[in-house]
Amino acid sequence: MIRQIKFVSIPVRDQNRALDFYTGKLGFTILADKPFDQKQRWIELRIPKADTHVVLFTPDEHQNRIGTFSGISFQCDDVEATYADYVAKGVKFRSPPQKQPWGTFVIFEDSEGNSFVLGTAK
């Protein structure tokens, strides 16, 4: 029986640049950074206080996904505060946070042009 998502893979073109972004700007921590093949490393990151991990790895057949909308939604306690913190760190956002009846959200981009939703639980 499935219990949880172990990790989500984020396609990246430059693993060093992406690693700097996710650790330096978003505050993720490194769980693994090991050689995988001649072209890439296996980089697995931990989101603070979360069980789900993020992998910065791109299979050859997923190169076309780099720089697209990921379908991944990150949750935080306070979108406005997190937005302000990330803006100060140089994270690119499409617009300021938006309040909706179902919660507050904002869309941001990583160093590779991938876009993600950042929102509240409700």
Protein backbone atom coordinates (compact mmCIF):
# COMPACT_ATOMS: atom_id res chain seq x y z
CA MET A 1 0.00 0.00 0.00
CA ILE A 2 1.32 3.48 -0.86
CA ARG A 3 2.05 5.59 2.22
CA GLN A 4 3.44 8.83 0.83
CA ILE A 5 5.40 10.46 -1.97
CA LYS A 6 9.11 9.82 -1.40
CA PHE A 7 10.40 12.50 -3.76
CA VAL A 8 9.46 14.63 -6.72
CA SER A 9 11.91 15.16 -9.53
CA ILE A 10 12.54 18.66 -10.82
CA PRO A 11 14.14 18.79 -14.27
CA VAL A 12 17.19 21.06 -14.39
CA ARG A 13 19.73 21.98 -17.03
CA ASP A 14 22.51 23.08 -14.66
CA GLN A 15 22.66 21.03 -11.47
CA ASN A 16 25.13 23.36 -9.73
CA ARG A 17 23.04 26.45 -10.41
CA ALA A 18 19.85 24.65 -9.32
CA LEU A 19 21.53 23.33 -6.15
CA ASP A 20 22.60 26.87 -5.24
CA PHE A 21 19.04 28.10 -5.81
CA TYR A 22 17.26 25.43 -3.78
CA THR A 23 19.71 25.50 -0.86
CA GLY A 24 20.67 29.19 -0.86
CA LYS A 25 17.33 30.81 -1.70
CA LEU A 26 14.70 28.29 -0.60
CA GLY A 27 16.59 26.81 2.37
CA PHE A 28 16.42 23.14 1.37
CA THR A 29 19.15 20.85 2.75
CA ILE A 30 21.25 18.28 0.90
CA LEU A 31 20.52 14.62 1.64
CA ALA A 32 22.57 13.19 -1.23
CA ASP A 33 24.89 14.57 -3.88
CA LYS A 34 26.51 11.61 -5.60
CA PRO A 35 27.65 10.72 -9.10
CA PHE A 36 24.93 9.03 -11.15
CA ASP A 37 26.34 8.72 -14.66
CA GLN A 38 28.77 10.56 -16.94
CA LYS A 39 26.41 13.55 -17.26
CA GLN A 40 24.61 13.99 -13.93
CA ARG A 41 24.70 13.59 -10.20
CA TRP A 42 21.91 12.29 -7.97
CA ILE A 43 21.01 15.36 -5.91
CA GLU A 44 18.33 14.75 -3.32
CA LEU A 45 17.17 17.61 -1.10
CA ARG A 46 15.04 17.82 2.01
CA ILE A 47 12.38 20.46 2.45
CA PRO A 48 12.67 21.74 6.05
CA LYS A 49 10.10 20.02 8.31
CA ALA A 50 8.74 17.85 5.46
CA ASP A 51 8.92 14.16 4.63
CA THR A 52 8.80 14.67 0.87
CA HIS A 53 12.15 15.16 -0.84
CA VAL A 54 13.09 16.94 -4.05
CA VAL A 55 15.49 15.47 -6.62
CA LEU A 56 17.36 17.73 -9.06
CA PHE A 57 17.77 15.19 -11.81
CA THR A 58 16.63 15.07 -15.42
CA PRO A 59 16.26 11.83 -17.37
CA ASP A 60 17.27 12.28 -21.02
CA GLU A 61 13.67 11.89 -22.17
CA HIS A 62 12.56 14.74 -19.86
CA GLN A 63 14.87 17.48 -21.16
CA ASN A 64 11.86 19.15 -22.80
CA ARG A 65 10.25 19.66 -19.36
CA ILE A 66 12.94 22.06 -18.17
CA GLY A 67 11.52 25.57 -17.85
CA THR A 68 7.84 24.58 -17.79
CA PHE A 69 5.04 24.63 -15.21
CA SER A 70 5.88 21.78 -12.87
CA GLY A 71 2.50 20.97 -11.40
CA ILE A 72 4.18 20.99 -7.98
CA SER A 73 2.61 23.10 -5.26
CA PHE A 74 4.64 23.97 -2.16
CA GLN A 75 2.85 24.83 1.09
CA CYS A 76 3.87 27.42 3.67
CA ASP A 77 2.24 28.95 6.75
CA ASP A 78 2.34 32.56 5.52
CA VAL A 79 2.53 33.24 1.80
CA GLU A 80 3.05 37.00 2.18
CA ALA A 81 5.97 36.57 4.62
CA THR A 82 7.56 33.82 2.55
CA TYR A 83 7.09 35.89 -0.60
CA ALA A 84 8.82 38.89 1.02
CA ASP A 85 11.70 36.71 2.25
CA TYR A 86 12.19 35.06 -1.14
CA VAL A 87 11.96 38.36 -3.05
CA ALA A 88 14.76 39.68 -0.82
CA LYS A 89 16.79 36.61 -1.78
CA GLY A 90 16.22 37.22 -5.50
CA VAL A 91 13.52 34.64 -6.25
CA LYS A 92 11.48 35.60 -9.33
CA PHE A 93 7.68 35.74 -8.97
CA ARG A 94 5.06 36.22 -11.67
CA SER A 95 2.96 38.54 -9.51
CA PRO A 96 2.37 39.38 -5.84
CA PRO A 97 0.43 36.88 -3.69
CA GLN A 98 -3.26 36.52 -4.50
CA LYS A 99 -5.98 35.82 -1.95
CA GLN A 100 -8.73 33.46 -3.03
CA PRO A 101 -11.64 31.91 -1.10
CA TRP A 102 -9.67 28.64 -0.93
CA GLY A 103 -6.37 30.24 0.24
CA THR A 104 -3.52 32.52 -0.71
CA PHE A 105 -1.03 31.63 -3.45
CA VAL A 106 1.74 32.94 -5.64
CA ILE A 107 3.73 31.47 -8.54
CA PHE A 108 7.52 31.55 -8.52
CA GLU A 109 10.29 30.34 -10.81
CA ASP A 110 13.49 28.50 -10.01
CA SER A 111 16.92 29.08 -11.55
CA GLU A 112 15.99 26.86 -14.51
CA GLY A 113 12.73 28.61 -15.39
CA ASN A 114 10.50 25.92 -13.86
CA SER A 115 7.43 27.43 -12.22
CA PHE A 116 5.74 26.34 -8.99
CA VAL A 117 2.78 27.34 -6.83
CA LEU A 118 3.44 28.47 -3.27
CA GLY A 119 0.30 28.48 -1.16
CA THR A 120 -1.35 28.07 2.18
CA ALA A 121 -3.15 24.99 3.45
CA LYS A 122 -6.48 26.86 3.30
